[in-house]
Amino acid sequence: MIGLRLRKRFDPRHRRTARRLYAQSEVKLHFGCGSRILPGWINLNAYHCEGISLELDLQGDLPLGDGSVPWLFTKHVLEHIDRNRIGKVFSEFHRVLAIGGVARILVPDLNFYCTKYLDGDVETITTPLPDTHTTADAVNSVFNDHFHRFIYDFDTMRIELEKAGFSDIVCSEYGESRHREVTMDSHAISRELGTLCLEATPTGTA
């Protein structure tokens, strides 16, 4: 992250790109895109991948104007962010979202893994994690592997979103939404199972 902060401060190309993004409106934001580039979206990521719009610290300020984003999508990213920084991330989501804007958030589902572990359902719990073979393998993998920092359930996510000023916080099924524009879920079976899907609107804009 130190390298990113230095680049943000001294690299003129990085600064020009950030200024250009900040000046845009009606931005569809893909937060933490990885290698999956969504055409027509601003694809932000913590490390360089071909086709991204900008590399930046996802725990810091977003290079976007207030109220410039009608649609925000993030999938399996927030579990990589330090628990004590998630409030800052959600505050930035709230700041950039437009009136009537919607954030669609997908993260690993704590309830899924705990329930399948207690049920002894080896087949289902290991499907999202193909390198695991037992329920204990799967639970430990989702907590400890892949640089995960925190695994959320709905209540914890709802509380943090409400603190940041969100309302109308609802769960949805994977691949389904009240808002077609923000349904960017992939079709990978490893993501369909074990994913908590939420949608949230800034307070006073529903």
Protein backbone atom coordinates (compact mmCIF):
# COMPACT_ATOMS: atom_id res chain seq x y z
CA MET A 1 0.00 0.00 0.00
CA ILE A 2 2.97 2.34 0.54
CA GLY A 3 3.83 1.98 -3.15
CA LEU A 4 0.29 2.90 -4.12
CA ARG A 5 0.31 5.97 -1.89
CA LEU A 6 3.60 7.12 -3.41
CA ARG A 7 2.29 6.55 -6.93
CA LYS A 8 -0.86 8.52 -6.09
CA ARG A 9 1.29 11.40 -4.88
CA PHE A 10 4.06 11.48 -7.48
CA ASP A 11 3.00 9.63 -10.66
CA PRO A 12 1.50 12.24 -13.07
CA ARG A 13 -0.34 9.59 -15.08
CA HIS A 14 -2.03 8.27 -11.94
CA ARG A 15 -3.02 11.80 -10.93
CA ARG A 16 -4.38 12.60 -14.40
CA THR A 17 -6.47 9.43 -14.45
CA ALA A 18 -7.81 10.16 -10.96
CA ARG A 19 -8.77 13.72 -11.98
CA ARG A 20 -10.51 12.43 -15.11
CA LEU A 21 -12.51 9.92 -13.08
CA TYR A 22 -13.44 12.54 -10.49
CA ALA A 23 -14.91 14.76 -13.20
CA GLN A 24 -17.22 12.04 -14.55
CA SER A 25 -20.89 11.59 -13.70
CA GLU A 26 -23.27 8.67 -14.15
CA VAL A 27 -20.42 6.30 -13.27
CA LYS A 28 -21.04 2.58 -12.93
CA LEU A 29 -18.45 1.51 -10.36
CA HIS A 30 -16.93 -1.97 -10.19
CA PHE A 31 -15.09 -1.91 -6.87
CA GLY A 32 -12.24 -4.42 -6.61
CA CYS A 33 -12.57 -5.85 -10.09
CA GLY A 34 -9.56 -8.17 -10.13
CA SER A 35 -9.07 -9.55 -13.64
CA ARG A 36 -12.79 -9.35 -14.45
CA ILE A 37 -13.26 -6.15 -16.42
CA LEU A 38 -16.86 -5.02 -16.93
CA PRO A 39 -17.27 -3.06 -20.18
CA GLY A 40 -18.79 0.37 -19.62
CA TRP A 41 -17.91 0.35 -15.93
CA ILE A 42 -15.13 2.08 -13.98
CA ASN A 43 -13.06 -0.90 -12.81
CA LEU A 44 -10.98 -0.10 -9.72
CA ASN A 45 -8.55 -2.57 -8.19
CA ALA A 46 -5.87 -2.82 -5.51
CA TYR A 47 -3.29 -4.27 -7.91
CA HIS A 48 -2.65 -3.99 -11.61
CA CYS A 49 -4.66 -6.11 -14.02
CA GLU A 50 -4.99 -5.58 -17.75
CA GLY A 51 -7.86 -3.24 -18.53
CA ILE A 52 -8.47 -1.71 -15.11
CA SER A 53 -9.36 1.97 -14.88
CA LEU A 54 -7.09 2.73 -11.91
CA GLU A 55 -4.98 0.92 -9.33
CA LEU A 56 -5.54 2.27 -5.83
CA ASP A 57 -5.81 1.48 -2.13
CA LEU A 58 -9.38 0.19 -1.79
CA GLN A 59 -9.39 1.19 1.88
CA GLY A 60 -8.86 4.87 1.07
CA ASP A 61 -10.66 7.68 -0.72
CA LEU A 62 -12.31 6.94 -4.05
CA PRO A 63 -11.35 9.19 -7.00
CA LEU A 64 -15.00 9.92 -7.79
CA GLY A 65 -17.23 12.91 -7.19
CA ASP A 66 -20.03 13.09 -4.64
CA GLY A 67 -23.22 11.53 -5.97
CA SER A 68 -21.62 10.48 -9.26
CA VAL A 69 -22.39 6.74 -9.09
CA PRO A 70 -25.87 5.34 -9.79
CA TRP A 71 -24.70 1.72 -9.67
CA LEU A 72 -21.98 0.14 -7.53
CA PHE A 73 -21.01 -3.52 -7.70
CA THR A 74 -18.45 -5.39 -5.62
CA LYS A 75 -18.01 -9.16 -5.41
CA HIS A 76 -15.82 -11.09 -2.95
CA VAL A 77 -13.69 -8.07 -2.10
CA LEU A 78 -14.78 -6.70 1.27
CA GLU A 79 -13.69 -9.84 3.13
CA HIS A 80 -10.11 -8.85 2.20
CA ILE A 81 -10.38 -5.46 3.93
CA ASP A 82 -9.43 -4.99 7.58
CA ARG A 83 -12.50 -5.10 9.82
CA ASN A 84 -11.65 -1.73 11.36
CA ARG A 85 -11.54 -0.10 7.90
CA ILE A 86 -14.89 -1.30 6.56
CA GLY A 87 -16.65 1.77 7.96
CA LYS A 88 -14.41 4.03 5.88
CA VAL A 89 -15.13 1.94 2.77
CA PHE A 90 -18.89 2.14 3.30
CA SER A 91 -18.68 5.88 3.99
CA GLU A 92 -17.00 6.31 0.60
CA PHE A 93 -19.67 4.15 -1.04
CA HIS A 94 -22.31 6.39 0.54
CA ARG A 95 -20.54 9.58 -0.58
CA VAL A 96 -20.19 8.62 -4.25
CA LEU A 97 -23.63 7.05 -4.70
CA ALA A 98 -26.18 9.21 -6.48
CA ILE A 99 -29.73 9.91 -5.34
CA GLY A 100 -31.53 6.62 -5.86
CA GLY A 101 -28.21 4.81 -6.31
CA VAL A 102 -27.79 1.16 -5.39
CA ALA A 103 -24.79 -0.76 -4.06
CA ARG A 104 -24.79 -4.51 -4.71
CA ILE A 105 -22.39 -6.29 -2.36
CA LEU A 106 -21.35 -9.95 -2.52
CA VAL A 107 -19.20 -11.57 0.18
CA PRO A 108 -18.66 -15.07 1.58
CA ASP A 109 -21.63 -16.03 3.75
CA LEU A 110 -20.75 -16.89 7.35
CA ASN A 111 -24.18 -18.42 7.95
CA PHE A 112 -23.77 -20.78 4.99
CA TYR A 113 -20.44 -22.17 6.20
CA CYS A 114 -21.49 -22.49 9.84
CA THR A 115 -24.79 -24.18 8.96
CA LYS A 116 -23.24 -26.64 6.51
CA TYR A 117 -20.49 -27.45 9.01
CA LEU A 118 -22.98 -28.22 11.78
CA ASP A 119 -25.10 -30.25 9.33
CA GLY A 120 -22.05 -32.25 8.25
CA ASP A 121 -22.87 -31.44 4.62
CA VAL A 122 -19.48 -32.17 3.05
CA GLU A 123 -20.62 -32.06 -0.58
CA THR A 124 -22.27 -28.65 -0.39
CA ILE A 125 -19.74 -26.88 1.84
CA THR A 126 -16.75 -27.97 -0.23
CA THR A 127 -18.26 -27.02 -3.61
CA PRO A 128 -17.23 -23.33 -3.37
CA LEU A 129 -13.76 -24.43 -2.19
CA PRO A 130 -12.65 -27.24 -4.54
CA ASP A 131 -9.33 -27.87 -2.77
CA THR A 132 -11.11 -28.85 0.47
CA HIS A 133 -12.31 -32.34 1.41
CA THR A 134 -14.01 -32.06 4.81
CA THR A 135 -16.31 -29.59 6.54
CA ALA A 136 -13.42 -28.51 8.77
CA ASP A 137 -11.24 -27.94 5.70
CA ALA A 138 -13.89 -25.68 4.21
CA VAL A 139 -14.52 -23.60 7.33
CA ASN A 140 -10.82 -23.08 7.99
CA SER A 141 -10.20 -22.24 4.35
CA VAL A 142 -12.83 -19.53 4.18
CA PHE A 143 -11.49 -17.93 7.37
CA ASN A 144 -7.75 -18.33 6.88
CA ASP A 145 -6.96 -18.66 3.18
CA HIS A 146 -7.12 -16.22 0.26
CA PHE A 147 -5.96 -13.29 2.45
CA HIS A 148 -9.40 -13.07 4.06
CA ARG A 149 -9.67 -10.64 6.99
CA PHE A 150 -13.29 -11.03 8.11
CA ILE A 151 -16.25 -13.22 7.09
CA TYR A 152 -19.62 -11.47 7.38
CA ASP A 153 -23.16 -12.44 8.17
CA PHE A 154 -26.13 -10.29 7.20
CA ASP A 155 -26.56 -8.62 10.60
CA THR A 156 -22.94 -7.47 10.83
CA MET A 157 -23.01 -6.14 7.29
CA ARG A 158 -26.35 -4.39 7.90
CA ILE A 159 -25.07 -2.67 11.06
CA GLU A 160 -21.98 -1.36 9.30
CA LEU A 161 -24.00 -0.13 6.31
CA GLU A 162 -26.49 1.63 8.59
CA LYS A 163 -23.64 3.36 10.42
CA ALA A 164 -22.47 4.73 7.07
CA GLY A 165 -25.94 6.08 6.27
CA PHE A 166 -27.50 3.30 4.22
CA SER A 167 -31.10 2.09 4.42
CA ASP A 168 -33.30 -0.32 2.49
CA ILE A 169 -30.68 -3.02 3.09
CA VAL A 170 -31.95 -6.31 1.73
CA CYS A 171 -30.67 -9.78 0.92
CA SER A 172 -31.12 -11.14 -2.56
CA GLU A 173 -30.43 -14.43 -4.28
CA TYR A 174 -27.27 -14.88 -6.31
CA GLY A 175 -27.90 -13.67 -9.85
CA GLU A 176 -31.21 -12.03 -8.92
CA SER A 177 -31.96 -8.41 -8.09
CA ARG A 178 -34.63 -5.73 -8.09
CA HIS A 179 -32.19 -3.77 -10.26
CA ARG A 180 -31.12 -5.39 -13.52
CA GLU A 181 -28.40 -2.78 -14.10
CA VAL A 182 -26.36 -3.86 -11.08
CA THR A 183 -26.73 -7.64 -11.43
CA MET A 184 -23.19 -8.43 -12.57
CA ASP A 185 -22.83 -11.74 -10.70
CA SER A 186 -20.78 -14.31 -12.59
CA HIS A 187 -22.16 -17.78 -13.37
CA ALA A 188 -19.42 -19.76 -11.61
CA ILE A 189 -20.91 -22.46 -9.36
CA SER A 190 -18.10 -21.82 -6.86
CA ARG A 191 -19.55 -18.32 -6.37
CA GLU A 192 -23.25 -19.17 -6.46
CA LEU A 193 -22.91 -21.29 -3.32
CA GLY A 194 -21.72 -19.72 -0.09
CA THR A 195 -22.20 -16.09 -1.17
CA LEU A 196 -24.14 -13.48 0.79
CA CYS A 197 -25.76 -10.98 -1.58
CA LEU A 198 -26.96 -7.60 -0.32
CA GLU A 199 -28.25 -4.41 -1.84
CA ALA A 200 -28.32 -1.05 -0.09
CA THR A 201 -29.48 2.48 -0.85
CA PRO A 202 -28.21 5.67 0.84
CA THR A 203 -30.64 6.93 3.47
CA GLY A 204 -33.19 9.35 2.10
CA THR A 205 -32.66 8.38 -1.54
CA ALA A 206 -34.84 5.30 -1.94
